[in-house]
Structure formats: C-alpha cells, structure tokens
Amino acid sequence: MARPLLLCAASGLLLAAVAAIPPPEEAARMARYVLHNCDWGALATLSTQEGLRGHPFANIFSLSDGPPGPCGGSGVPYLYLTDMEISVQDLEVNSNASLTVSLAQTPYCRKHGYDPQNPLCAHIIFVGSIVKVNDSEADLAKKALFSRHPEMESWPKDHNWFFAKFNITNIWVLDYFGGLKIVTPEEYYSVKP
C-alpha cells in the first residue's frame, strides 16, 4: 500500500513541476486546479459577535481537498475546526459561508508578474455551507488535511477539534478577462484538476 502512495506522490511532484494551468475555456477544471493547489482560503461568515452582528466577517483557514499531487484531489474543501474559533461560532448560528481561494498564494502569479487582483491570477469563490463530516468521511478528511498541514496533529486536544467540509452549492471562477464564469457543482465534480 505504501509503495503506490509513494509512486503517486513522486509522480505528482514531477507533474506539478511541469503542469500548466487549465485554459480559460475550462472553468470547472480551473476551479478544481486552483483549490487543489491552495493550502488556505478566506472563509466569510455572517458575524454573530457583538458589534458586528449580521455583517460579513472573513477569516483565513487552512484547507485541503487531498494530498498534494495529481492523485489526491477530491474537490471537497476539508477544514479542521474548533468551536473556540470566532468564525466557527458564527457557523453554529448560520452555516452558510463563502470561501475564496487564489493562485496568488502559489508561485504562479509572482512568476508571471500578476497582481493578486489581476484576473489572470485565477481565484475561485465557492458559496455553500460548512458541515461536520460523518465518521465514514473523517479518515479521508484527516488524510487530506494532515498531509498538507502536519502541524495540525499536535494542536491542543482540549480544543475539541473536528473535521468539516465546505458543502458547495455555487461556484464562480475569475481566471481571465471578461467577468466571472459560473460553474455548477455537477460540472466541478465531474472533472479532475
């Protein structure tokens, strides 16, 4: 079992070194590509905090859709959360959220001289809700997250961490000039990054 995973990881590193981003006409594939190549995103909730109640509140969260490389991406954004976190407290009242991921966090945009706001520095906006994963999905979420964020394994156990996923209902892709492209979840999950 370890040998196929090792081969997959090695081939993933080689492919990642030479892989090109999807062309603009493949918006669903671009969405999968960007998510799979990002380790974190900005999660926006509706605040329940005193003085901010009802206002949008964005916060950074580590995420993963699977181990790095071409063999690991499920397209599902997994998160490791605790109800001690302010945004998670918002989600306990209203689980609806949006999640933005951008190639600006990868070397791609810097290499090409693209400002993070330049449409060629692709970013994806997911809308949906955060849900705790069930027991059958917890191992998949753990593998996805801990493979990219090994520090998570040592986070304080008394914080009651749990695995969650972003349940995607809407997807907007900005990867070229001319405005946003809408991708359905069905289109998104039917392609590979």
C-alpha atoms as a PDB file:
ATOM      1  CA  MET A   1       0.000   0.000   0.000  1.00  0.00           C
ATOM      2  CA  ALA A   2       2.787   2.461   0.858  1.00  0.00           C
ATOM      3  CA  ARG A   3       4.572   1.835  -2.444  1.00  0.00           C
ATOM      4  CA  PRO A   4       1.661   3.040  -4.690  1.00  0.00           C
ATOM      5  CA  LEU A   5       1.246   6.113  -2.490  1.00  0.00           C
ATOM      6  CA  LEU A   6       4.967   6.837  -2.728  1.00  0.00           C
ATOM      7  CA  LEU A   7       4.906   6.424  -6.509  1.00  0.00           C
ATOM      8  CA  CYS A   8       1.840   8.640  -6.751  1.00  0.00           C
ATOM      9  CA  ALA A   9       3.489  11.341  -4.626  1.00  0.00           C
ATOM     10  CA  ALA A  10       6.713  11.168  -6.655  1.00  0.00           C
ATOM     11  CA  SER A  11       4.880  11.350  -9.967  1.00  0.00           C
ATOM     12  CA  GLY A  12       2.794  14.179  -8.550  1.00  0.00           C
ATOM     13  CA  LEU A  13       5.901  16.229  -7.793  1.00  0.00           C
ATOM     14  CA  LEU A  14       7.227  15.674 -11.297  1.00  0.00           C
ATOM     15  CA  LEU A  15       3.912  16.551 -12.915  1.00  0.00           C
ATOM     16  CA  ALA A  16       3.409  19.580 -10.678  1.00  0.00           C
ATOM     17  CA  ALA A  17       6.780  20.906 -11.789  1.00  0.00           C
ATOM     18  CA  VAL A  18       5.747  20.896 -15.455  1.00  0.00           C
ATOM     19  CA  ALA A  19       1.937  21.063 -15.330  1.00  0.00           C
ATOM     20  CA  ALA A  20       0.301  24.093 -16.878  1.00  0.00           C
ATOM     21  CA  ILE A  21      -2.850  25.643 -15.533  1.00  0.00           C
ATOM     22  CA  PRO A  22      -6.053  24.794 -17.412  1.00  0.00           C
ATOM     23  CA  PRO A  23      -7.066  27.089 -20.280  1.00  0.00           C
ATOM     24  CA  PRO A  24      -9.750  29.758 -19.615  1.00  0.00           C
ATOM     25  CA  GLU A  25     -12.400  27.830 -21.545  1.00  0.00           C
ATOM     26  CA  GLU A  26     -12.193  25.011 -18.959  1.00  0.00           C
ATOM     27  CA  ALA A  27     -13.660  26.860 -15.966  1.00  0.00           C
ATOM     28  CA  ALA A  28     -14.660  23.743 -13.997  1.00  0.00           C
ATOM     29  CA  ARG A  29     -11.187  22.275 -14.363  1.00  0.00           C
ATOM     30  CA  MET A  30      -9.683  25.629 -13.377  1.00  0.00           C
ATOM     31  CA  ALA A  31     -11.776  25.665 -10.193  1.00  0.00           C
ATOM     32  CA  ARG A  32     -10.553  22.181  -9.268  1.00  0.00           C
ATOM     33  CA  TYR A  33      -6.959  23.102 -10.157  1.00  0.00           C
ATOM     34  CA  VAL A  34      -6.922  26.258  -8.028  1.00  0.00           C
ATOM     35  CA  LEU A  35      -8.494  24.575  -4.991  1.00  0.00           C
ATOM     36  CA  HIS A  36      -6.143  21.609  -5.186  1.00  0.00           C
ATOM     37  CA  ASN A  37      -3.089  23.881  -5.375  1.00  0.00           C
ATOM     38  CA  CYS A  38      -4.104  26.093  -2.459  1.00  0.00           C
ATOM     39  CA  ASP A  39      -3.428  25.316   1.193  1.00  0.00           C
ATOM     40  CA  TRP A  40      -5.662  28.005   2.665  1.00  0.00           C
ATOM     41  CA  GLY A  41      -8.573  30.248   1.830  1.00  0.00           C
ATOM     42  CA  ALA A  42     -10.603  33.188   3.099  1.00  0.00           C
ATOM     43  CA  LEU A  43     -13.848  31.978   4.665  1.00  0.00           C
ATOM     44  CA  ALA A  44     -16.585  34.596   5.028  1.00  0.00           C
ATOM     45  CA  THR A  45     -19.407  34.144   7.529  1.00  0.00           C
ATOM     46  CA  LEU A  46     -22.185  36.351   8.863  1.00  0.00           C
ATOM     47  CA  SER A  47     -20.946  37.550  12.214  1.00  0.00           C
ATOM     48  CA  THR A  48     -22.791  36.793  15.436  1.00  0.00           C
ATOM     49  CA  GLN A  49     -20.329  38.799  17.525  1.00  0.00           C
ATOM     50  CA  GLU A  50     -21.465  41.836  19.495  1.00  0.00           C
ATOM     51  CA  GLY A  51     -20.946  44.998  17.457  1.00  0.00           C
ATOM     52  CA  LEU A  52     -20.566  43.042  14.197  1.00  0.00           C
ATOM     53  CA  ARG A  53     -23.801  41.036  14.222  1.00  0.00           C
ATOM     54  CA  GLY A  54     -25.090  40.434  10.696  1.00  0.00           C
ATOM     55  CA  HIS A  55     -22.010  41.854   8.968  1.00  0.00           C
ATOM     56  CA  PRO A  56     -19.737  39.808   6.685  1.00  0.00           C
ATOM     57  CA  PHE A  57     -16.664  38.542   8.513  1.00  0.00           C
ATOM     58  CA  ALA A  58     -13.753  36.959   6.602  1.00  0.00           C
ATOM     59  CA  ASN A  59     -11.091  34.821   8.225  1.00  0.00           C
ATOM     60  CA  ILE A  60      -8.217  32.663   6.970  1.00  0.00           C
ATOM     61  CA  PHE A  61      -8.457  28.865   7.298  1.00  0.00           C
ATOM     62  CA  SER A  62      -6.127  26.056   6.300  1.00  0.00           C
ATOM     63  CA  LEU A  63      -7.815  23.627   3.943  1.00  0.00           C
ATOM     64  CA  SER A  64      -7.176  20.673   1.676  1.00  0.00           C
ATOM     65  CA  ASP A  65      -9.026  18.635  -0.919  1.00  0.00           C
ATOM     66  CA  GLY A  66      -6.454  15.847  -0.655  1.00  0.00           C
ATOM     67  CA  PRO A  67      -2.732  15.171  -0.561  1.00  0.00           C
ATOM     68  CA  PRO A  68      -0.572  17.264  -2.932  1.00  0.00           C
ATOM     69  CA  GLY A  69      -0.078  15.956  -6.458  1.00  0.00           C
ATOM     70  CA  PRO A  70      -2.432  14.723  -9.163  1.00  0.00           C
ATOM     71  CA  CYS A  71      -3.537  11.577  -7.279  1.00  0.00           C
ATOM     72  CA  GLY A  72      -5.122  13.205  -4.245  1.00  0.00           C
ATOM     73  CA  GLY A  73      -7.660  15.874  -5.119  1.00  0.00           C
ATOM     74  CA  SER A  74     -11.311  15.140  -4.369  1.00  0.00           C
ATOM     75  CA  GLY A  75     -12.512  18.704  -4.978  1.00  0.00           C
ATOM     76  CA  VAL A  76     -14.049  18.791  -1.488  1.00  0.00           C
ATOM     77  CA  PRO A  77     -12.567  21.560   0.683  1.00  0.00           C
ATOM     78  CA  TYR A  78     -11.903  19.995   4.103  1.00  0.00           C
ATOM     79  CA  LEU A  79     -11.213  22.046   7.245  1.00  0.00           C
ATOM     80  CA  TYR A  80     -10.102  21.289  10.818  1.00  0.00           C
ATOM     81  CA  LEU A  81     -12.174  23.410  13.184  1.00  0.00           C
ATOM     82  CA  THR A  82     -12.855  24.138  16.831  1.00  0.00           C
ATOM     83  CA  ASP A  83     -15.885  25.902  18.265  1.00  0.00           C
ATOM     84  CA  MET A  84     -13.452  28.111  20.181  1.00  0.00           C
ATOM     85  CA  GLU A  85     -12.765  29.951  16.889  1.00  0.00           C
ATOM     86  CA  ILE A  86     -14.816  33.104  16.272  1.00  0.00           C
ATOM     87  CA  SER A  87     -15.909  32.204  12.718  1.00  0.00           C
ATOM     88  CA  VAL A  88     -16.938  28.710  13.808  1.00  0.00           C
ATOM     89  CA  GLN A  89     -19.166  30.350  16.417  1.00  0.00           C
ATOM     90  CA  ASP A  90     -20.811  32.250  13.535  1.00  0.00           C
ATOM     91  CA  LEU A  91     -21.273  28.980  11.632  1.00  0.00           C
ATOM     92  CA  GLU A  92     -23.039  27.403  14.613  1.00  0.00           C
ATOM     93  CA  VAL A  93     -25.783  30.017  14.167  1.00  0.00           C
ATOM     94  CA  ASN A  94     -25.752  30.142  10.350  1.00  0.00           C
ATOM     95  CA  SER A  95     -23.719  27.519   8.486  1.00  0.00           C
ATOM     96  CA  ASN A  96     -23.838  29.455   5.195  1.00  0.00           C
ATOM     97  CA  ALA A  97     -20.494  30.827   4.056  1.00  0.00           C
ATOM     98  CA  SER A  98     -18.335  31.709   1.097  1.00  0.00           C
ATOM     99  CA  LEU A  99     -14.783  30.538   0.535  1.00  0.00           C
ATOM    100  CA  THR A 100     -12.240  32.227  -1.741  1.00  0.00           C
ATOM    101  CA  VAL A 101      -9.016  30.570  -2.902  1.00  0.00           C
ATOM    102  CA  SER A 102      -6.461  32.188  -5.195  1.00  0.00           C
ATOM    103  CA  LEU A 103      -3.361  31.220  -7.148  1.00  0.00           C
ATOM    104  CA  ALA A 104      -1.834  34.338  -5.545  1.00  0.00           C
ATOM    105  CA  GLN A 105      -0.724  32.049  -2.696  1.00  0.00           C
ATOM    106  CA  THR A 106       1.260  29.877  -5.115  1.00  0.00           C
ATOM    107  CA  PRO A 107       4.429  30.869  -7.030  1.00  0.00           C
ATOM    108  CA  TYR A 108       2.398  31.065 -10.273  1.00  0.00           C
ATOM    109  CA  CYS A 109       1.248  34.710 -10.095  1.00  0.00           C
ATOM    110  CA  ARG A 110       4.585  36.059  -8.839  1.00  0.00           C
ATOM    111  CA  LYS A 111       6.414  34.141 -11.567  1.00  0.00           C
ATOM    112  CA  HIS A 112       4.232  35.785 -14.235  1.00  0.00           C
ATOM    113  CA  GLY A 113       4.170  39.214 -12.578  1.00  0.00           C
ATOM    114  CA  TYR A 114       0.395  39.085 -11.931  1.00  0.00           C
ATOM    115  CA  ASP A 115      -1.068  41.161  -9.136  1.00  0.00           C
ATOM    116  CA  PRO A 116      -3.487  39.100  -6.978  1.00  0.00           C
ATOM    117  CA  GLN A 117      -6.368  41.212  -8.328  1.00  0.00           C
ATOM    118  CA  ASN A 118      -5.408  40.567 -11.965  1.00  0.00           C
ATOM    119  CA  PRO A 119      -7.941  38.117 -13.484  1.00  0.00           C
ATOM    120  CA  LEU A 120      -5.035  36.060 -14.868  1.00  0.00           C
ATOM    121  CA  CYS A 121      -4.104  35.294 -11.248  1.00  0.00           C
ATOM    122  CA  ALA A 122      -7.089  32.950 -11.008  1.00  0.00           C
ATOM    123  CA  HIS A 123      -9.310  32.903  -7.989  1.00  0.00           C
ATOM    124  CA  ILE A 124     -12.386  30.879  -7.177  1.00  0.00           C
ATOM    125  CA  ILE A 125     -15.343  31.830  -4.993  1.00  0.00           C
ATOM    126  CA  PHE A 126     -17.338  28.958  -3.521  1.00  0.00           C
ATOM    127  CA  VAL A 127     -20.691  29.515  -1.829  1.00  0.00           C
ATOM    128  CA  GLY A 128     -22.359  26.920   0.349  1.00  0.00           C
ATOM    129  CA  SER A 129     -22.291  25.752   3.940  1.00  0.00           C
ATOM    130  CA  ILE A 130     -19.918  24.178   6.426  1.00  0.00           C
ATOM    131  CA  VAL A 131     -20.906  20.764   7.750  1.00  0.00           C
ATOM    132  CA  LYS A 132     -19.172  18.352  10.110  1.00  0.00           C
ATOM    133  CA  VAL A 133     -18.058  15.220   8.312  1.00  0.00           C
ATOM    134  CA  ASN A 134     -19.560  11.913   9.376  1.00  0.00           C
ATOM    135  CA  ASP A 135     -17.454   9.084  10.785  1.00  0.00           C
ATOM    136  CA  SER A 136     -17.060   7.383   7.402  1.00  0.00           C
ATOM    137  CA  GLU A 137     -15.577  10.557   5.868  1.00  0.00           C
ATOM    138  CA  ALA A 138     -13.409  11.572   8.846  1.00  0.00           C
ATOM    139  CA  ASP A 139     -10.426   9.429   7.781  1.00  0.00           C
ATOM    140  CA  LEU A 140     -10.477  10.952   4.292  1.00  0.00           C
ATOM    141  CA  ALA A 141     -10.633  14.481   5.750  1.00  0.00           C
ATOM    142  CA  LYS A 142      -7.832  13.693   8.212  1.00  0.00           C
ATOM    143  CA  LYS A 143      -5.574  12.334   5.464  1.00  0.00           C
ATOM    144  CA  ALA A 144      -6.331  15.328   3.228  1.00  0.00           C
ATOM    145  CA  LEU A 145      -5.602  17.900   5.922  1.00  0.00           C
ATOM    146  CA  PHE A 146      -2.714  16.308   7.811  1.00  0.00           C
ATOM    147  CA  SER A 147      -0.832  15.544   4.579  1.00  0.00           C
ATOM    148  CA  ARG A 148      -0.639  19.292   3.861  1.00  0.00           C
ATOM    149  CA  HIS A 149      -0.758  20.640   7.411  1.00  0.00           C
ATOM    150  CA  PRO A 150       1.178  18.164   9.610  1.00  0.00           C
ATOM    151  CA  GLU A 151       1.274  20.665  12.485  1.00  0.00           C
ATOM    152  CA  MET A 152      -2.471  20.086  12.968  1.00  0.00           C
ATOM    153  CA  GLU A 153      -1.819  16.675  14.541  1.00  0.00           C
ATOM    154  CA  SER A 154      -0.151  18.357  17.527  1.00  0.00           C
ATOM    155  CA  TRP A 155      -2.776  21.049  18.144  1.00  0.00           C
ATOM    156  CA  PRO A 156      -4.204  21.007  21.698  1.00  0.00           C
ATOM    157  CA  LYS A 157      -6.623  18.093  22.139  1.00  0.00           C
ATOM    158  CA  ASP A 158      -8.670  20.021  24.716  1.00  0.00           C
ATOM    159  CA  HIS A 159      -9.821  22.398  21.932  1.00  0.00           C
ATOM    160  CA  ASN A 160     -12.180  19.685  20.638  1.00  0.00           C
ATOM    161  CA  TRP A 161     -11.080  19.865  17.015  1.00  0.00           C
ATOM    162  CA  PHE A 162     -13.364  18.339  14.405  1.00  0.00           C
ATOM    163  CA  PHE A 163     -13.255  17.716  10.679  1.00  0.00           C
ATOM    164  CA  ALA A 164     -15.650  19.644   8.472  1.00  0.00           C
ATOM    165  CA  LYS A 165     -16.185  20.199   4.785  1.00  0.00           C
ATOM    166  CA  PHE A 166     -17.425  23.021   2.639  1.00  0.00           C
ATOM    167  CA  ASN A 167     -20.662  21.804   1.030  1.00  0.00           C
ATOM    168  CA  ILE A 168     -20.524  23.619  -2.327  1.00  0.00           C
ATOM    169  CA  THR A 169     -23.733  24.982  -3.865  1.00  0.00           C
ATOM    170  CA  ASN A 170     -22.379  27.716  -6.175  1.00  0.00           C
ATOM    171  CA  ILE A 171     -19.020  28.349  -7.859  1.00  0.00           C
ATOM    172  CA  TRP A 172     -17.668  31.467  -9.542  1.00  0.00           C
ATOM    173  CA  VAL A 173     -14.382  31.424 -11.464  1.00  0.00           C
ATOM    174  CA  LEU A 174     -12.352  34.513 -12.332  1.00  0.00           C
ATOM    175  CA  ASP A 175      -9.398  33.389 -14.439  1.00  0.00           C
ATOM    176  CA  TYR A 176      -9.468  35.642 -17.496  1.00  0.00           C
ATOM    177  CA  PHE A 177     -10.769  38.989 -18.716  1.00  0.00           C
ATOM    178  CA  GLY A 178     -14.485  39.376 -19.369  1.00  0.00           C
ATOM    179  CA  GLY A 179     -16.000  38.654 -15.977  1.00  0.00           C
ATOM    180  CA  LEU A 180     -16.901  35.757 -13.740  1.00  0.00           C
ATOM    181  CA  LYS A 181     -17.808  32.309 -15.040  1.00  0.00           C
ATOM    182  CA  ILE A 182     -20.416  30.220 -13.281  1.00  0.00           C
ATOM    183  CA  VAL A 183     -19.690  26.526 -12.750  1.00  0.00           C
ATOM    184  CA  THR A 184     -22.240  24.109 -11.298  1.00  0.00           C
ATOM    185  CA  PRO A 185     -21.194  21.667  -8.578  1.00  0.00           C
ATOM    186  CA  GLU A 186     -22.018  18.839 -11.009  1.00  0.00           C
ATOM    187  CA  GLU A 187     -19.609  20.258 -13.614  1.00  0.00           C
ATOM    188  CA  TYR A 188     -16.990  20.854 -10.931  1.00  0.00           C
ATOM    189  CA  TYR A 189     -17.034  17.331  -9.508  1.00  0.00           C
ATOM    190  CA  SER A 190     -17.069  15.688 -12.940  1.00  0.00           C
ATOM    191  CA  VAL A 191     -13.573  16.935 -13.899  1.00  0.00           C
ATOM    192  CA  LYS A 192     -10.092  16.398 -12.474  1.00  0.00           C
ATOM    193  CA  PRO A 193      -7.718  19.297 -11.709  1.00  0.00           C
END
